């Protein structure tokens, strides 16, 4: 299991607004700002997102290689997948696969995919057998 993921973004304010809107339907509503000067030399400032007192998804300013990352976020229902996809589209995501069953993986695998404003591939996923 992963503990955390950092991605570099080209416009921190835009990305904070995007992820705040896109992740809220999944219950990912906690936010933390980490000042890089509190870490070792050269540590970047970080903007974190989380749920249940666990911050696990972090943004940092930097060089973007959008195609270099795919991040899947867990949804607790198909409705959450639909809501996260809709919210992401409203705030500037590009469609990469509307909500629906991903039969090539499993008939119970329900997901939606988008590209964020920097071109990162995001997936909102509900796998009924994991709930």
Protein backbone atom coordinates (compact mmCIF):
# COMPACT_ATOMS: atom_id res chain seq x y z
CA UNK A 1 0.00 0.00 0.00
CA UNK A 2 1.25 3.47 -0.80
CA UNK A 3 1.68 6.08 1.90
CA UNK A 4 1.90 9.17 -0.28
CA UNK A 5 2.43 10.49 -3.80
CA UNK A 6 3.94 13.82 -4.92
CA UNK A 7 3.29 15.32 -8.34
CA UNK A 8 4.87 18.48 -9.73
CA UNK A 9 2.49 21.08 -11.10
CA UNK A 10 3.01 24.14 -13.28
CA UNK A 11 0.50 26.43 -11.52
CA UNK A 12 0.09 25.62 -7.84
CA UNK A 13 -2.97 27.82 -7.26
CA UNK A 14 -4.77 26.38 -10.29
CA UNK A 15 -3.95 22.83 -9.22
CA UNK A 16 -5.07 23.41 -5.62
CA UNK A 17 -8.42 24.70 -6.90
CA UNK A 18 -8.73 21.80 -9.37
CA UNK A 19 -7.95 19.06 -6.86
CA UNK A 20 -10.05 20.65 -4.13
CA UNK A 21 -13.09 20.47 -6.44
CA UNK A 22 -12.31 17.09 -8.04
CA UNK A 23 -11.48 15.22 -4.81
CA UNK A 24 -14.25 16.60 -2.59
CA UNK A 25 -16.88 14.14 -3.94
CA UNK A 26 -14.57 11.32 -2.79
CA UNK A 27 -14.46 12.73 0.74
CA UNK A 28 -10.85 13.86 0.26
CA UNK A 29 -11.37 17.21 1.95
CA UNK A 30 -8.52 17.60 4.42
CA UNK A 31 -5.74 19.97 3.39
CA UNK A 32 -2.24 20.60 4.73
CA UNK A 33 0.33 23.17 3.65
CA UNK A 34 3.91 22.09 4.35
CA UNK A 35 6.59 24.77 4.33
CA UNK A 36 9.69 23.33 2.68
CA UNK A 37 11.99 25.33 4.94
CA UNK A 38 10.91 23.02 7.78
CA UNK A 39 12.50 20.05 5.99
CA UNK A 40 16.02 19.26 4.84
CA UNK A 41 17.79 21.72 2.51
CA UNK A 42 16.06 21.97 -0.85
CA UNK A 43 12.78 20.41 0.32
CA UNK A 44 9.89 21.87 -1.72
CA UNK A 45 6.79 23.51 -0.34
CA UNK A 46 3.96 20.99 -0.51
CA UNK A 47 0.18 21.19 -0.66
CA UNK A 48 -1.42 18.02 0.70
CA UNK A 49 -4.83 16.41 0.37
CA UNK A 50 -6.26 13.64 2.48
CA UNK A 51 -9.08 11.90 4.27
CA UNK A 52 -9.58 10.38 7.72
CA UNK A 53 -6.61 12.30 9.15
CA UNK A 54 -4.25 10.82 6.55
CA UNK A 55 -2.66 13.17 4.02
CA UNK A 56 -1.51 11.11 1.05
CA UNK A 57 -1.65 13.18 -2.14
CA UNK A 58 0.76 16.11 -2.46
CA UNK A 59 1.34 18.86 -5.00
CA UNK A 60 4.64 20.65 -5.40
CA UNK A 61 5.71 23.37 -7.82
CA UNK A 62 8.05 22.10 -10.49
CA UNK A 63 8.64 20.67 -13.93
CA UNK A 64 5.58 18.91 -15.31
CA UNK A 65 5.75 15.63 -17.19
CA UNK A 66 2.02 15.01 -17.37
CA UNK A 67 2.21 11.73 -19.23
CA UNK A 68 4.59 10.36 -16.63
CA UNK A 69 1.95 9.70 -13.97
CA UNK A 70 -1.37 7.94 -13.56
CA UNK A 71 -3.08 8.27 -10.18
CA UNK A 72 -6.12 6.23 -9.20
CA UNK A 73 -8.34 7.54 -6.41
CA UNK A 74 -10.64 5.20 -4.48
CA UNK A 75 -14.36 5.94 -4.52
CA UNK A 76 -16.79 4.28 -2.12
CA UNK A 77 -19.58 3.99 -4.72
CA UNK A 78 -20.38 4.38 -8.37
CA UNK A 79 -22.13 7.63 -7.48
CA UNK A 80 -18.86 8.98 -6.05
CA UNK A 81 -17.07 8.07 -9.28
CA UNK A 82 -19.73 9.92 -11.27
CA UNK A 83 -19.58 12.98 -8.99
CA UNK A 84 -15.77 13.19 -9.00
CA UNK A 85 -15.68 12.89 -12.79
CA UNK A 86 -18.34 15.60 -13.18
CA UNK A 87 -16.57 17.92 -10.72
CA UNK A 88 -13.23 17.44 -12.46
CA UNK A 89 -14.72 18.21 -15.89
CA UNK A 90 -16.36 21.38 -14.55
CA UNK A 91 -13.01 22.68 -13.26
CA UNK A 92 -11.03 22.03 -16.42
CA UNK A 93 -10.25 18.33 -16.73
CA UNK A 94 -10.21 16.69 -20.15
CA UNK A 95 -12.21 13.49 -20.56
CA UNK A 96 -10.19 10.30 -20.83
CA UNK A 97 -13.03 7.82 -20.36
CA UNK A 98 -16.49 8.57 -18.98
CA UNK A 99 -17.91 6.72 -15.97
CA UNK A 100 -18.73 3.10 -16.60
CA UNK A 101 -17.67 -0.50 -16.14
CA UNK A 102 -14.14 -1.33 -17.20
CA UNK A 103 -14.95 -4.77 -18.55
CA UNK A 104 -11.40 -5.31 -19.81
CA UNK A 105 -10.35 -5.45 -16.11
CA UNK A 106 -13.42 -6.90 -14.38
CA UNK A 107 -17.19 -6.42 -14.75
CA UNK A 108 -17.28 -5.05 -11.17
CA UNK A 109 -14.58 -2.43 -11.90
CA UNK A 110 -16.35 0.93 -12.28
CA UNK A 111 -14.28 3.99 -13.08
CA UNK A 112 -13.95 7.31 -14.86
CA UNK A 113 -10.76 8.84 -16.21
CA UNK A 114 -9.63 12.40 -16.88
CA UNK A 115 -6.50 14.41 -17.57
CA UNK A 116 -5.84 17.19 -15.08
CA UNK A 117 -4.80 20.68 -16.29
CA UNK A 118 -1.14 19.56 -16.45
CA UNK A 119 -1.95 16.41 -18.40
CA UNK A 120 -1.69 13.90 -15.55
CA UNK A 121 -3.93 10.88 -15.94
CA UNK A 122 -6.42 10.51 -13.07
CA UNK A 123 -8.85 7.71 -12.43
CA UNK A 124 -11.74 7.65 -9.97
CA UNK A 125 -12.36 4.00 -9.18
CA UNK A 126 -14.95 1.88 -7.42
CA UNK A 127 -14.19 -1.83 -7.15
CA UNK A 128 -17.11 -3.45 -5.37
CA UNK A 129 -15.08 -6.45 -4.22
CA UNK A 130 -12.77 -4.13 -2.27
CA UNK A 131 -15.60 -2.69 -0.19
